[in-house]
Amino acid sequence: MKYYPKHFEKDLQIIAVFAVFVVVVAVVVVVAVVVVAVVVVVAVVVVAVVVVVAVVVVAVVVVVAVVVVAVVVVVAVVVVAVVVVAAAVVVVAAAAAAVVVVVIEVIVAVVIVFVVAMKHY
């Protein structure tokens, strides 16, 4: 048998404790890295889902807004067209009334001339 110094056994215990410490630290580091990786992946997925949902919501809101604006524009155009037609009807009615007034005036003038002319006979 080979001779070992007295403190050799104590040195082996220190080495064993240090080896266990190194293994424990390595396991803790690996677990921490895995946990951080999982947290990062989950955070990225959550952010991606939130962004996609936000984009879809904004797209839907924009489409609804565009449709509402289009409907409002169409209604406004129809209202303007109705107002223009009504104005045209009023103008035509006024013109017709003016023609009727002129015709009545002409008839009255002819009657007056006829009555005045008949007084002399």
C-alpha atoms as a PDB file:
ATOM      1  CA  MET A   1       0.000   0.000   0.000  1.00  0.00           C
ATOM      2  CA  LYS A   2       1.060   3.426  -0.803  1.00  0.00           C
ATOM      3  CA  TYR A   3       1.452   5.909   1.991  1.00  0.00           C
ATOM      4  CA  TYR A   4      -0.827   8.951   1.975  1.00  0.00           C
ATOM      5  CA  PRO A   5      -0.318  12.010   4.104  1.00  0.00           C
ATOM      6  CA  LYS A   6      -2.678  12.446   7.059  1.00  0.00           C
ATOM      7  CA  HIS A   7      -4.486  15.412   5.545  1.00  0.00           C
ATOM      8  CA  PHE A   8      -5.186  13.515   2.309  1.00  0.00           C
ATOM      9  CA  GLU A   9      -8.560  12.277   3.561  1.00  0.00           C
ATOM     10  CA  LYS A  10      -9.494  15.779   4.584  1.00  0.00           C
ATOM     11  CA  ASP A  11      -8.392  17.037   1.153  1.00  0.00           C
ATOM     12  CA  LEU A  12     -10.635  14.427  -0.493  1.00  0.00           C
ATOM     13  CA  GLN A  13     -13.584  15.644   1.587  1.00  0.00           C
ATOM     14  CA  ILE A  14     -12.899  19.237   0.541  1.00  0.00           C
ATOM     15  CA  ILE A  15     -12.629  18.170  -3.103  1.00  0.00           C
ATOM     16  CA  ALA A  16     -15.877  16.189  -2.796  1.00  0.00           C
ATOM     17  CA  VAL A  17     -17.703  19.150  -1.228  1.00  0.00           C
ATOM     18  CA  PHE A  18     -16.347  21.457  -3.931  1.00  0.00           C
ATOM     19  CA  ALA A  19     -17.413  18.980  -6.661  1.00  0.00           C
ATOM     20  CA  VAL A  20     -20.942  18.811  -5.206  1.00  0.00           C
ATOM     21  CA  PHE A  21     -20.991  22.624  -5.030  1.00  0.00           C
ATOM     22  CA  VAL A  22     -19.907  22.863  -8.683  1.00  0.00           C
ATOM     23  CA  VAL A  23     -22.582  20.347  -9.725  1.00  0.00           C
ATOM     24  CA  VAL A  24     -25.277  22.187  -7.729  1.00  0.00           C
ATOM     25  CA  VAL A  25     -24.238  25.529  -9.235  1.00  0.00           C
ATOM     26  CA  ALA A  26     -24.263  23.998 -12.719  1.00  0.00           C
ATOM     27  CA  VAL A  27     -27.751  22.549 -12.167  1.00  0.00           C
ATOM     28  CA  VAL A  28     -29.007  25.891 -10.798  1.00  0.00           C
ATOM     29  CA  VAL A  29     -27.531  27.740 -13.794  1.00  0.00           C
ATOM     30  CA  VAL A  30     -29.061  25.274 -16.267  1.00  0.00           C
ATOM     31  CA  VAL A  31     -32.470  25.494 -14.561  1.00  0.00           C
ATOM     32  CA  ALA A  32     -32.242  29.297 -14.507  1.00  0.00           C
ATOM     33  CA  VAL A  33     -31.347  29.409 -18.201  1.00  0.00           C
ATOM     34  CA  VAL A  34     -34.237  27.069 -19.052  1.00  0.00           C
ATOM     35  CA  VAL A  35     -36.669  29.144 -16.961  1.00  0.00           C
ATOM     36  CA  VAL A  36     -35.488  32.391 -18.568  1.00  0.00           C
ATOM     37  CA  ALA A  37     -35.764  30.828 -22.037  1.00  0.00           C
ATOM     38  CA  VAL A  38     -39.316  29.623 -21.322  1.00  0.00           C
ATOM     39  CA  VAL A  39     -40.290  33.043 -19.928  1.00  0.00           C
ATOM     40  CA  VAL A  40     -38.819  34.791 -22.977  1.00  0.00           C
ATOM     41  CA  VAL A  41     -40.589  32.431 -25.390  1.00  0.00           C
ATOM     42  CA  VAL A  42     -43.907  32.852 -23.558  1.00  0.00           C
ATOM     43  CA  ALA A  43     -43.459  36.652 -23.506  1.00  0.00           C
ATOM     44  CA  VAL A  44     -42.671  36.723 -27.235  1.00  0.00           C
ATOM     45  CA  VAL A  45     -45.728  34.566 -27.999  1.00  0.00           C
ATOM     46  CA  VAL A  46     -47.969  36.750 -25.809  1.00  0.00           C
ATOM     47  CA  VAL A  47     -46.649  39.937 -27.432  1.00  0.00           C
ATOM     48  CA  ALA A  48     -47.123  38.432 -30.898  1.00  0.00           C
ATOM     49  CA  VAL A  49     -50.704  37.426 -30.080  1.00  0.00           C
ATOM     50  CA  VAL A  50     -51.449  40.880 -28.637  1.00  0.00           C
ATOM     51  CA  VAL A  51     -49.980  42.565 -31.719  1.00  0.00           C
ATOM     52  CA  VAL A  52     -51.961  40.330 -34.089  1.00  0.00           C
ATOM     53  CA  VAL A  53     -55.186  40.933 -32.146  1.00  0.00           C
ATOM     54  CA  ALA A  54     -54.514  44.679 -32.102  1.00  0.00           C
ATOM     55  CA  VAL A  55     -53.871  44.725 -35.853  1.00  0.00           C
ATOM     56  CA  VAL A  56     -57.066  42.750 -36.506  1.00  0.00           C
ATOM     57  CA  VAL A  57     -59.079  45.064 -34.230  1.00  0.00           C
ATOM     58  CA  VAL A  58     -57.627  48.153 -35.922  1.00  0.00           C
ATOM     59  CA  ALA A  59     -58.330  46.661 -39.353  1.00  0.00           C
ATOM     60  CA  VAL A  60     -61.938  45.899 -38.371  1.00  0.00           C
ATOM     61  CA  VAL A  61     -62.373  49.404 -36.919  1.00  0.00           C
ATOM     62  CA  VAL A  62     -60.914  50.955 -40.081  1.00  0.00           C
ATOM     63  CA  VAL A  63     -63.151  48.846 -42.326  1.00  0.00           C
ATOM     64  CA  VAL A  64     -66.224  49.726 -40.238  1.00  0.00           C
ATOM     65  CA  ALA A  65     -65.244  53.405 -40.279  1.00  0.00           C
ATOM     66  CA  VAL A  66     -64.761  53.322 -44.058  1.00  0.00           C
ATOM     67  CA  VAL A  67     -68.140  51.631 -44.511  1.00  0.00           C
ATOM     68  CA  VAL A  68     -69.828  54.163 -42.203  1.00  0.00           C
ATOM     69  CA  VAL A  69     -68.189  57.049 -44.054  1.00  0.00           C
ATOM     70  CA  ALA A  70     -69.226  55.550 -47.396  1.00  0.00           C
ATOM     71  CA  VAL A  71     -72.820  55.172 -46.197  1.00  0.00           C
ATOM     72  CA  VAL A  72     -72.826  58.748 -44.871  1.00  0.00           C
ATOM     73  CA  VAL A  73     -71.430  60.009 -48.194  1.00  0.00           C
ATOM     74  CA  VAL A  74     -74.042  58.069 -50.173  1.00  0.00           C
ATOM     75  CA  VAL A  75     -76.830  59.402 -47.929  1.00  0.00           C
ATOM     76  CA  ALA A  76     -75.461  62.936 -48.286  1.00  0.00           C
ATOM     77  CA  VAL A  77     -75.326  62.580 -52.075  1.00  0.00           C
ATOM     78  CA  VAL A  78     -78.919  61.287 -52.116  1.00  0.00           C
ATOM     79  CA  VAL A  79     -80.052  64.170 -49.876  1.00  0.00           C
ATOM     80  CA  VAL A  80     -78.269  66.698 -52.102  1.00  0.00           C
ATOM     81  CA  ALA A  81     -79.833  65.108 -55.191  1.00  0.00           C
ATOM     82  CA  VAL A  82     -83.297  65.301 -53.607  1.00  0.00           C
ATOM     83  CA  VAL A  83     -82.699  68.943 -52.655  1.00  0.00           C
ATOM     84  CA  VAL A  84     -81.525  69.739 -56.206  1.00  0.00           C
ATOM     85  CA  VAL A  85     -84.580  68.019 -57.691  1.00  0.00           C
ATOM     86  CA  ALA A  86     -86.837  69.875 -55.260  1.00  0.00           C
ATOM     87  CA  ALA A  87     -85.181  73.156 -56.193  1.00  0.00           C
ATOM     88  CA  ALA A  88     -85.659  72.343 -59.869  1.00  0.00           C
ATOM     89  CA  VAL A  89     -89.339  71.578 -59.242  1.00  0.00           C
ATOM     90  CA  VAL A  90     -89.698  74.899 -57.402  1.00  0.00           C
ATOM     91  CA  VAL A  91     -87.994  76.739 -60.285  1.00  0.00           C
ATOM     92  CA  VAL A  92     -90.222  75.035 -62.870  1.00  0.00           C
ATOM     93  CA  ALA A  93     -93.317  75.779 -60.760  1.00  0.00           C
ATOM     94  CA  ALA A  94     -92.248  79.421 -60.434  1.00  0.00           C
ATOM     95  CA  ALA A  95     -91.681  79.614 -64.190  1.00  0.00           C
ATOM     96  CA  ALA A  96     -95.073  78.031 -64.817  1.00  0.00           C
ATOM     97  CA  ALA A  97     -96.683  80.472 -62.402  1.00  0.00           C
ATOM     98  CA  ALA A  98     -94.964  83.364 -64.192  1.00  0.00           C
ATOM     99  CA  VAL A  99     -96.258  82.082 -67.537  1.00  0.00           C
ATOM    100  CA  VAL A 100     -99.763  81.776 -66.094  1.00  0.00           C
ATOM    101  CA  VAL A 101     -99.559  85.333 -64.702  1.00  0.00           C
ATOM    102  CA  VAL A 102     -98.379  86.664 -68.074  1.00  0.00           C
ATOM    103  CA  VAL A 103    -101.182  84.814 -69.877  1.00  0.00           C
ATOM    104  CA  ILE A 104    -103.743  86.208 -67.415  1.00  0.00           C
ATOM    105  CA  GLU A 105    -102.333  89.707 -67.876  1.00  0.00           C
ATOM    106  CA  VAL A 106    -102.543  89.351 -71.652  1.00  0.00           C
ATOM    107  CA  ILE A 107    -106.130  88.119 -71.418  1.00  0.00           C
ATOM    108  CA  VAL A 108    -107.051  90.991 -69.061  1.00  0.00           C
ATOM    109  CA  ALA A 109    -105.384  93.497 -71.405  1.00  0.00           C
ATOM    110  CA  VAL A 110    -107.253  92.069 -74.398  1.00  0.00           C
ATOM    111  CA  VAL A 111    -110.550  92.194 -72.481  1.00  0.00           C
ATOM    112  CA  ILE A 112    -109.867  95.793 -71.404  1.00  0.00           C
ATOM    113  CA  VAL A 113    -109.008  96.788 -74.959  1.00  0.00           C
ATOM    114  CA  PHE A 114    -112.109  94.972 -76.215  1.00  0.00           C
ATOM    115  CA  VAL A 115    -114.351  96.633 -73.591  1.00  0.00           C
ATOM    116  CA  VAL A 116    -112.892 100.074 -74.315  1.00  0.00           C
ATOM    117  CA  ALA A 117    -113.249  99.470 -78.037  1.00  0.00           C
ATOM    118  CA  MET A 118    -116.869  98.325 -77.613  1.00  0.00           C
ATOM    119  CA  LYS A 119    -117.790 101.539 -75.719  1.00  0.00           C
ATOM    120  CA  HIS A 120    -117.041 103.551 -78.797  1.00  0.00           C
ATOM    121  CA  TYR A 121    -119.512 101.543 -80.931  1.00  0.00           C
END
